[in-house]
Amino acid sequence: MPTRYTFVCDDEHTRDIERLARENNVTEEEVLRQLIDLGLSQINEQHRI
């Protein structure tokens, strides 16, 4: 079952998220999902030895 999280972004991050969504014709939610997936993947890669 999915879990819902809420967080607050500053204005600069908000503009970046909106720009990425517009440029890629996706929702802001999709941009955030992809950014989180990418960040978690990078963290996991860094901890593999």
C-alpha atoms as a PDB file:
ATOM      1  CA  MET A   1       0.000   0.000   0.000  1.00  0.00           C
ATOM      2  CA  PRO A   2       1.462   3.390  -0.992  1.00  0.00           C
ATOM      3  CA  THR A   3       2.451   5.879   1.665  1.00  0.00           C
ATOM      4  CA  ARG A   4       1.851   9.587   1.156  1.00  0.00           C
ATOM      5  CA  TYR A   5       4.453  12.136   2.252  1.00  0.00           C
ATOM      6  CA  THR A   6       4.192  15.903   2.391  1.00  0.00           C
ATOM      7  CA  PHE A   7       7.065  18.348   2.349  1.00  0.00           C
ATOM      8  CA  VAL A   8       7.562  22.057   1.788  1.00  0.00           C
ATOM      9  CA  CYS A   9       9.889  23.515  -0.867  1.00  0.00           C
ATOM     10  CA  ASP A  10      11.347  26.983  -1.036  1.00  0.00           C
ATOM     11  CA  ASP A  11      10.434  29.216  -3.978  1.00  0.00           C
ATOM     12  CA  GLU A  12      13.577  28.394  -5.959  1.00  0.00           C
ATOM     13  CA  HIS A  13      12.972  24.638  -5.780  1.00  0.00           C
ATOM     14  CA  THR A  14       9.311  25.165  -6.615  1.00  0.00           C
ATOM     15  CA  ARG A  15      10.230  27.064  -9.781  1.00  0.00           C
ATOM     16  CA  ASP A  16      12.708  24.333 -10.758  1.00  0.00           C
ATOM     17  CA  ILE A  17      10.106  21.606 -10.249  1.00  0.00           C
ATOM     18  CA  GLU A  18       7.485  23.515 -12.226  1.00  0.00           C
ATOM     19  CA  ARG A  19       9.988  24.170 -15.039  1.00  0.00           C
ATOM     20  CA  LEU A  20      11.000  20.507 -15.239  1.00  0.00           C
ATOM     21  CA  ALA A  21       7.361  19.446 -15.329  1.00  0.00           C
ATOM     22  CA  ARG A  22       6.540  21.921 -18.077  1.00  0.00           C
ATOM     23  CA  GLU A  23       9.619  21.052 -20.169  1.00  0.00           C
ATOM     24  CA  ASN A  24       8.915  17.318 -19.923  1.00  0.00           C
ATOM     25  CA  ASN A  25       5.121  17.521 -20.170  1.00  0.00           C
ATOM     26  CA  VAL A  26       4.584  15.721 -16.858  1.00  0.00           C
ATOM     27  CA  THR A  27       3.047  16.687 -13.538  1.00  0.00           C
ATOM     28  CA  GLU A  28       4.971  18.198 -10.672  1.00  0.00           C
ATOM     29  CA  GLU A  29       4.220  15.015  -8.737  1.00  0.00           C
ATOM     30  CA  GLU A  30       5.926  12.953 -11.444  1.00  0.00           C
ATOM     31  CA  VAL A  31       8.967  15.233 -11.355  1.00  0.00           C
ATOM     32  CA  LEU A  32       9.201  14.773  -7.585  1.00  0.00           C
ATOM     33  CA  ARG A  33       8.786  10.997  -7.864  1.00  0.00           C
ATOM     34  CA  GLN A  34      11.585  10.795 -10.417  1.00  0.00           C
ATOM     35  CA  LEU A  35      13.874  13.067  -8.399  1.00  0.00           C
ATOM     36  CA  ILE A  36      13.334  10.948  -5.289  1.00  0.00           C
ATOM     37  CA  ASP A  37      13.934   7.718  -7.246  1.00  0.00           C
ATOM     38  CA  LEU A  38      17.137   9.149  -8.731  1.00  0.00           C
ATOM     39  CA  GLY A  39      18.383  10.407  -5.373  1.00  0.00           C
ATOM     40  CA  LEU A  40      17.695   7.116  -3.613  1.00  0.00           C
ATOM     41  CA  SER A  41      19.396   5.186  -6.433  1.00  0.00           C
ATOM     42  CA  GLN A  42      22.496   7.359  -6.127  1.00  0.00           C
ATOM     43  CA  ILE A  43      22.603   6.885  -2.358  1.00  0.00           C
ATOM     44  CA  ASN A  44      22.285   3.122  -2.764  1.00  0.00           C
ATOM     45  CA  GLU A  45      25.075   3.114  -5.383  1.00  0.00           C
ATOM     46  CA  GLN A  46      27.393   5.096  -3.082  1.00  0.00           C
ATOM     47  CA  HIS A  47      26.918   2.623  -0.229  1.00  0.00           C
ATOM     48  CA  ARG A  48      27.738  -0.440  -2.345  1.00  0.00           C
ATOM     49  CA  ILE A  49      31.322  -1.517  -1.985  1.00  0.00           C
END
